[in-house]
C-alpha atoms as a PDB file:
ATOM      1  CA  MET A   1     134.710 180.068 101.368  1.00  0.00           C
ATOM      2  CA  SER A   2     136.729 176.900 101.297  1.00  0.00           C
ATOM      3  CA  GLU A   3     135.432 173.434 102.334  1.00  0.00           C
ATOM      4  CA  ASP A   4     137.567 173.490 105.536  1.00  0.00           C
ATOM      5  CA  SER A   5     136.810 176.978 106.896  1.00  0.00           C
ATOM      6  CA  TYR A   6     133.950 179.076 108.204  1.00  0.00           C
ATOM      7  CA  GLN A   7     133.150 182.746 108.375  1.00  0.00           C
ATOM      8  CA  ILE A   8     132.096 185.145 111.109  1.00  0.00           C
ATOM      9  CA  ARG A   9     129.759 187.488 109.529  1.00  0.00           C
ATOM     10  CA  LEU A  10     128.230 190.875 110.897  1.00  0.00           C
ATOM     11  CA  CYS A  11     125.077 192.607 109.808  1.00  0.00           C
ATOM     12  CA  PRO A  12     125.586 196.405 109.860  1.00  0.00           C
ATOM     13  CA  HIS A  13     121.760 196.890 109.924  1.00  0.00           C
ATOM     14  CA  CYS A  14     120.675 195.009 113.048  1.00  0.00           C
ATOM     15  CA  GLY A  15     124.066 194.147 114.556  1.00  0.00           C
ATOM     16  CA  LEU A  16     123.725 190.400 114.480  1.00  0.00           C
ATOM     17  CA  ARG A  17     127.047 188.523 114.544  1.00  0.00           C
ATOM     18  CA  TYR A  18     126.944 184.770 113.456  1.00  0.00           C
ATOM     19  CA  PRO A  19     129.035 181.995 112.100  1.00  0.00           C
ATOM     20  CA  LEU A  20     128.491 180.671 108.538  1.00  0.00           C
ATOM     21  CA  ILE A  21     129.771 177.424 107.223  1.00  0.00           C
ATOM     22  CA  ARG A  22     129.537 176.069 103.719  1.00  0.00           C
ATOM     23  CA  SER A  23     125.970 175.168 102.643  1.00  0.00           C
ATOM     24  CA  HIS A  24     124.413 176.608 105.877  1.00  0.00           C
ATOM     25  CA  PRO A  25     120.799 177.451 105.404  1.00  0.00           C
ATOM     26  CA  PHE A  26     121.276 181.045 106.876  1.00  0.00           C
ATOM     27  CA  GLY A  27     123.366 182.067 103.800  1.00  0.00           C
ATOM     28  CA  GLU A  28     125.137 185.498 103.501  1.00  0.00           C
ATOM     29  CA  ARG A  29     122.001 187.437 104.215  1.00  0.00           C
ATOM     30  CA  CYS A  30     121.235 188.204 107.858  1.00  0.00           C
ATOM     31  CA  PRO A  31     118.995 185.479 109.282  1.00  0.00           C
ATOM     32  CA  GLN A  32     117.218 188.008 111.541  1.00  0.00           C
ATOM     33  CA  CYS A  33     116.560 191.008 109.295  1.00  0.00           C
ATOM     34  CA  LEU A  34     117.708 189.637 105.854  1.00  0.00           C
ATOM     35  CA  GLY A  35     119.981 192.630 105.234  1.00  0.00           C
ATOM     36  CA  GLU A  36     123.589 192.246 103.557  1.00  0.00           C
ATOM     37  CA  THR A  37     126.212 191.122 105.942  1.00  0.00           C
ATOM     38  CA  ALA A  38     130.037 191.379 105.823  1.00  0.00           C
ATOM     39  CA  ILE A  39     132.754 188.960 106.605  1.00  0.00           C
ATOM     40  CA  VAL A  40     134.564 189.806 109.852  1.00  0.00           C
ATOM     41  CA  LEU A  41     136.824 186.924 110.260  1.00  0.00           C
ATOM     42  CA  GLU A  42     137.549 183.568 108.503  1.00  0.00           C
ATOM     43  CA  TYR A  43     138.820 180.465 110.467  1.00  0.00           C
ATOM     44  CA  PRO A  44     139.801 176.827 109.742  1.00  0.00           C
ATOM     45  CA  LEU A  45     136.881 174.576 110.548  1.00  0.00           C
ATOM     46  CA  GLU A  46     138.881 171.902 112.201  1.00  0.00           C
ATOM     47  CA  ARG A  47     141.210 172.869 115.138  1.00  0.00           C
ATOM     48  CA  GLU A  48     144.552 170.959 115.926  1.00  0.00           C
ATOM     49  CA  THR A  49     144.451 168.618 118.875  1.00  0.00           C
ATOM     50  CA  LEU A  50     146.151 170.086 121.926  1.00  0.00           C
ATOM     51  CA  ALA A  51     149.722 168.797 122.309  1.00  0.00           C
ATOM     52  CA  ASN A  52     149.122 167.597 125.906  1.00  0.00           C
ATOM     53  CA  ASP A  53     145.975 165.440 124.974  1.00  0.00           C
ATOM     54  CA  LYS A  54     146.869 161.884 125.653  1.00  0.00           C
ATOM     55  CA  LYS A  55     145.146 158.845 124.270  1.00  0.00           C
ATOM     56  CA  LEU A  56     143.973 156.105 126.534  1.00  0.00           C
ATOM     57  CA  PRO A  57     146.154 152.907 126.747  1.00  0.00           C
ATOM     58  CA  ARG A  58     144.877 150.066 124.774  1.00  0.00           C
ATOM     59  CA  ASP A  59     144.063 148.067 127.829  1.00  0.00           C
ATOM     60  CA  ILE A  60     141.440 150.634 129.032  1.00  0.00           C
ATOM     61  CA  ASN A  61     138.051 149.789 127.395  1.00  0.00           C
ATOM     62  CA  LEU A  62     135.238 152.298 128.185  1.00  0.00           C
ATOM     63  CA  SER A  63     131.705 151.892 126.756  1.00  0.00           C
ATOM     64  CA  VAL A  64     128.359 153.401 127.256  1.00  0.00           C
ATOM     65  CA  LEU A  65     125.020 151.674 127.512  1.00  0.00           C
ATOM     66  CA  LEU A  66     121.913 153.681 126.541  1.00  0.00           C
ATOM     67  CA  ASP A  67     118.888 152.201 128.103  1.00  0.00           C
ATOM     68  CA  ASN A  68     115.642 153.205 126.345  1.00  0.00           C
ATOM     69  CA  ILE A  69     116.733 156.798 125.514  1.00  0.00           C
ATOM     70  CA  ARG A  70     113.791 158.351 123.761  1.00  0.00           C
ATOM     71  CA  SER A  71     115.414 161.463 122.123  1.00  0.00           C
ATOM     72  CA  ALA A  72     117.471 161.137 118.933  1.00  0.00           C
ATOM     73  CA  TRP A  73     119.101 164.477 119.894  1.00  0.00           C
ATOM     74  CA  ASN A  74     120.278 163.038 123.306  1.00  0.00           C
ATOM     75  CA  VAL A  75     121.613 160.013 121.592  1.00  0.00           C
ATOM     76  CA  GLY A  76     123.593 162.047 119.130  1.00  0.00           C
ATOM     77  CA  SER A  77     124.978 164.244 121.879  1.00  0.00           C
ATOM     78  CA  ILE A  78     126.078 161.228 123.853  1.00  0.00           C
ATOM     79  CA  PHE A  79     127.749 159.873 120.781  1.00  0.00           C
ATOM     80  CA  ARG A  80     129.792 163.032 120.434  1.00  0.00           C
ATOM     81  CA  SER A  81     130.582 163.027 124.111  1.00  0.00           C
ATOM     82  CA  ALA A  82     131.633 159.370 124.017  1.00  0.00           C
ATOM     83  CA  ASP A  83     134.034 160.145 121.240  1.00  0.00           C
ATOM     84  CA  GLY A  84     135.477 163.077 122.971  1.00  0.00           C
ATOM     85  CA  PHE A  85     136.230 161.037 126.099  1.00  0.00           C
ATOM     86  CA  GLU A  86     137.257 157.910 124.305  1.00  0.00           C
ATOM     87  CA  PHE A  87     134.314 155.688 125.178  1.00  0.00           C
ATOM     88  CA  ARG A  88     134.869 153.179 122.179  1.00  0.00           C
ATOM     89  CA  HIS A  89     131.535 151.542 121.990  1.00  0.00           C
ATOM     90  CA  ALA A  90     127.871 152.287 122.530  1.00  0.00           C
ATOM     91  CA  TYR A  91     125.363 149.636 123.401  1.00  0.00           C
ATOM     92  CA  LEU A  92     121.987 150.899 122.150  1.00  0.00           C
ATOM     93  CA  CYS A  93     119.081 149.136 123.854  1.00  0.00           C
ATOM     94  CA  GLY A  94     115.276 149.105 123.690  1.00  0.00           C
ATOM     95  CA  ILE A  95     113.739 152.072 121.984  1.00  0.00           C
ATOM     96  CA  THR A  96     117.098 154.026 121.676  1.00  0.00           C
ATOM     97  CA  PRO A  97     117.448 155.265 118.099  1.00  0.00           C
ATOM     98  CA  THR A  98     120.528 154.194 116.233  1.00  0.00           C
ATOM     99  CA  PRO A  99     122.925 156.342 114.122  1.00  0.00           C
ATOM    100  CA  GLU A 100     120.783 155.349 111.133  1.00  0.00           C
ATOM    101  CA  ASN A 101     118.382 158.010 112.232  1.00  0.00           C
ATOM    102  CA  ALA A 102     118.777 161.387 110.696  1.00  0.00           C
ATOM    103  CA  GLU A 103     118.376 163.348 113.879  1.00  0.00           C
ATOM    104  CA  VAL A 104     120.977 161.237 115.718  1.00  0.00           C
ATOM    105  CA  GLN A 105     123.524 162.082 112.848  1.00  0.00           C
ATOM    106  CA  LYS A 106     122.436 165.736 113.153  1.00  0.00           C
ATOM    107  CA  THR A 107     123.689 166.085 116.710  1.00  0.00           C
ATOM    108  CA  ALA A 108     126.441 163.494 116.612  1.00  0.00           C
ATOM    109  CA  LEU A 109     128.133 165.506 113.921  1.00  0.00           C
ATOM    110  CA  GLY A 110     130.106 162.532 112.599  1.00  0.00           C
ATOM    111  CA  ALA A 111     131.115 161.154 115.987  1.00  0.00           C
ATOM    112  CA  GLU A 112     129.062 158.015 115.163  1.00  0.00           C
ATOM    113  CA  GLU A 113     131.727 157.191 112.586  1.00  0.00           C
ATOM    114  CA  PHE A 114     134.333 156.827 115.434  1.00  0.00           C
ATOM    115  CA  VAL A 115     132.361 155.098 118.198  1.00  0.00           C
ATOM    116  CA  THR A 116     131.291 151.628 117.299  1.00  0.00           C
ATOM    117  CA  TRP A 117     127.670 150.707 118.232  1.00  0.00           C
ATOM    118  CA  SER A 118     125.413 147.669 118.386  1.00  0.00           C
ATOM    119  CA  ASP A 119     121.627 147.408 118.809  1.00  0.00           C
ATOM    120  CA  HIS A 120     119.857 145.276 121.533  1.00  0.00           C
ATOM    121  CA  LYS A 121     116.357 144.762 122.302  1.00  0.00           C
ATOM    122  CA  ASP A 122     116.756 143.815 126.132  1.00  0.00           C
ATOM    123  CA  ALA A 123     119.308 145.728 128.191  1.00  0.00           C
ATOM    124  CA  VAL A 124     119.034 143.468 131.176  1.00  0.00           C
ATOM    125  CA  LYS A 125     119.809 140.401 129.137  1.00  0.00           C
ATOM    126  CA  LEU A 126     122.786 142.356 127.495  1.00  0.00           C
ATOM    127  CA  VAL A 127     124.226 143.297 130.925  1.00  0.00           C
ATOM    128  CA  LYS A 128     124.128 139.691 132.165  1.00  0.00           C
ATOM    129  CA  GLY A 129     126.116 138.805 129.115  1.00  0.00           C
ATOM    130  CA  LEU A 130     128.564 141.638 129.500  1.00  0.00           C
ATOM    131  CA  LYS A 131     129.198 140.607 133.119  1.00  0.00           C
ATOM    132  CA  ALA A 132     129.658 137.008 132.133  1.00  0.00           C
ATOM    133  CA  GLU A 133     132.406 138.216 129.801  1.00  0.00           C
ATOM    134  CA  GLY A 134     134.110 139.967 132.718  1.00  0.00           C
ATOM    135  CA  LEU A 135     133.163 143.561 132.116  1.00  0.00           C
ATOM    136  CA  LYS A 136     132.149 145.731 134.914  1.00  0.00           C
ATOM    137  CA  VAL A 137     128.895 147.770 134.716  1.00  0.00           C
ATOM    138  CA  TRP A 138     128.137 151.042 136.519  1.00  0.00           C
ATOM    139  CA  ALA A 139     124.629 152.458 136.413  1.00  0.00           C
ATOM    140  CA  LEU A 140     124.335 156.292 136.542  1.00  0.00           C
ATOM    141  CA  GLU A 141     121.314 156.732 138.862  1.00  0.00           C
ATOM    142  CA  LEU A 142     120.512 158.564 142.141  1.00  0.00           C
ATOM    143  CA  THR A 143     119.104 155.911 144.538  1.00  0.00           C
ATOM    144  CA  GLU A 144     119.159 155.626 148.366  1.00  0.00           C
ATOM    145  CA  THR A 145     122.444 153.515 148.232  1.00  0.00           C
ATOM    146  CA  SER A 146     124.118 155.173 145.140  1.00  0.00           C
ATOM    147  CA  LYS A 147     127.575 156.391 145.569  1.00  0.00           C
ATOM    148  CA  PRO A 148     128.838 159.830 144.461  1.00  0.00           C
ATOM    149  CA  LEU A 149     130.983 159.536 141.314  1.00  0.00           C
ATOM    150  CA  ALA A 150     133.391 162.147 142.628  1.00  0.00           C
ATOM    151  CA  GLY A 151     134.192 159.837 145.589  1.00  0.00           C
ATOM    152  CA  LYS A 152     136.917 157.454 146.016  1.00  0.00           C
ATOM    153  CA  LEU A 153     135.835 154.685 143.609  1.00  0.00           C
ATOM    154  CA  LYS A 154     138.279 152.239 141.968  1.00  0.00           C
ATOM    155  CA  THR A 155     137.626 152.591 138.290  1.00  0.00           C
ATOM    156  CA  PRO A 156     137.867 149.212 136.410  1.00  0.00           C
ATOM    157  CA  LYS A 157     139.846 149.193 133.148  1.00  0.00           C
ATOM    158  CA  GLU A 158     136.893 147.452 131.352  1.00  0.00           C
ATOM    159  CA  LEU A 159     133.856 149.486 132.215  1.00  0.00           C
ATOM    160  CA  VAL A 160     130.321 149.863 130.751  1.00  0.00           C
ATOM    161  CA  LEU A 161     128.462 153.018 132.069  1.00  0.00           C
ATOM    162  CA  ALA A 162     124.715 152.645 131.838  1.00  0.00           C
ATOM    163  CA  VAL A 163     122.448 155.849 131.394  1.00  0.00           C
ATOM    164  CA  GLY A 164     118.744 155.469 131.428  1.00  0.00           C
ATOM    165  CA  ASN A 165     115.441 156.832 130.043  1.00  0.00           C
ATOM    166  CA  GLU A 166     114.809 160.479 130.407  1.00  0.00           C
ATOM    167  CA  VAL A 167     111.757 160.019 132.566  1.00  0.00           C
ATOM    168  CA  THR A 168     112.041 156.597 134.087  1.00  0.00           C
ATOM    169  CA  GLY A 169     115.783 156.372 134.512  1.00  0.00           C
ATOM    170  CA  VAL A 170     117.903 153.162 134.429  1.00  0.00           C
ATOM    171  CA  ASP A 171     115.822 149.907 134.360  1.00  0.00           C
ATOM    172  CA  PRO A 172     115.643 148.388 137.947  1.00  0.00           C
ATOM    173  CA  GLY A 173     116.945 145.207 136.506  1.00  0.00           C
ATOM    174  CA  ILE A 174     120.173 146.853 135.467  1.00  0.00           C
ATOM    175  CA  LEU A 175     120.401 148.542 138.953  1.00  0.00           C
ATOM    176  CA  GLU A 176     120.250 145.008 140.506  1.00  0.00           C
ATOM    177  CA  LEU A 177     122.970 143.731 138.274  1.00  0.00           C
ATOM    178  CA  ALA A 178     125.260 146.752 138.333  1.00  0.00           C
ATOM    179  CA  ASP A 179     128.622 146.453 140.034  1.00  0.00           C
ATOM    180  CA  GLU A 180     128.183 150.091 141.152  1.00  0.00           C
ATOM    181  CA  VAL A 181     125.285 152.555 141.190  1.00  0.00           C
ATOM    182  CA  ILE A 182     126.682 156.089 141.030  1.00  0.00           C
ATOM    183  CA  HIS A 183     125.337 159.518 140.953  1.00  0.00           C
ATOM    184  CA  ILE A 184     126.396 163.105 140.315  1.00  0.00           C
ATOM    185  CA  PRO A 185     125.846 165.300 143.383  1.00  0.00           C
ATOM    186  CA  MET A 186     123.299 167.939 142.723  1.00  0.00           C
ATOM    187  CA  ARG A 187     123.572 171.427 144.406  1.00  0.00           C
ATOM    188  CA  GLY A 188     120.483 173.181 142.914  1.00  0.00           C
ATOM    189  CA  GLN A 189     116.746 172.636 143.266  1.00  0.00           C
ATOM    190  CA  LYS A 190     116.384 170.127 140.376  1.00  0.00           C
ATOM    191  CA  ARG A 191     117.444 166.421 141.214  1.00  0.00           C
ATOM    192  CA  SER A 192     118.814 165.391 137.809  1.00  0.00           C
ATOM    193  CA  PHE A 193     120.620 166.578 134.792  1.00  0.00           C
ATOM    194  CA  ASN A 194     119.541 165.911 131.225  1.00  0.00           C
ATOM    195  CA  VAL A 195     120.704 162.441 130.329  1.00  0.00           C
ATOM    196  CA  ALA A 196     123.266 163.693 127.679  1.00  0.00           C
ATOM    197  CA  ILE A 197     124.690 166.217 130.109  1.00  0.00           C
ATOM    198  CA  ALA A 198     124.819 163.713 132.823  1.00  0.00           C
ATOM    199  CA  PHE A 199     126.709 161.256 130.727  1.00  0.00           C
ATOM    200  CA  ALA A 200     129.253 163.981 129.598  1.00  0.00           C
ATOM    201  CA  VAL A 201     129.953 164.851 133.352  1.00  0.00           C
ATOM    202  CA  ALA A 202     130.313 161.255 134.271  1.00  0.00           C
ATOM    203  CA  ALA A 203     132.339 160.398 131.300  1.00  0.00           C
ATOM    204  CA  GLN A 204     134.799 163.255 132.032  1.00  0.00           C
ATOM    205  CA  ILE A 205     135.323 162.162 135.615  1.00  0.00           C
ATOM    206  CA  ILE A 206     135.892 158.547 134.754  1.00  0.00           C
ATOM    207  CA  ARG A 207     138.205 159.480 131.787  1.00  0.00           C
ATOM    208  CA  SER A 208     140.382 161.777 134.127  1.00  0.00           C
ATOM    209  CA  ARG A 209     141.184 158.660 136.254  1.00  0.00           C
ATOM    210  CA  PHE A 210     143.320 157.083 133.502  1.00  0.00           C
END
């Protein structure tokens, strides 16, 4: 198997079908029954970018602010979505782990190499500074006065999207400073998404407006 490809393998004993990349801990033996497996297909590891994918103009500057995110896996996932939707910078605040953490790297899958980041102790102090520089800050949080993101909101060209702690949400100090507090309408019984999922949904909606 080459460095830039992966295999689809099939176990004739228990019927398990799984992907195998170079140095994967599963190896060529079935991870379920440990039987011998066979290669079904082999594919390139990196796929070509679709021809109709368009890059953001240089005057559009999207960033994300992670306010006291506990889970390194959530942080890594946000980095990967940030790269996919061309959010160019991540402000990591409070207890949010940085890409120096191995678990962040594990879920970011290299996206931390393309999204610049900075580490900040106090998110409220940071937001005050960003607004003084002329950036607009939106906070992703469901409140009595928050606006649905899918609504008719004018999206600024220089925008920082703040997402908050998995349990307590966005710091109230940030909510008071935010230019807009937005939410994703929920249709089921639960009233919130996982923070990494919520960011990805919001980022896609924002990105689609440019």
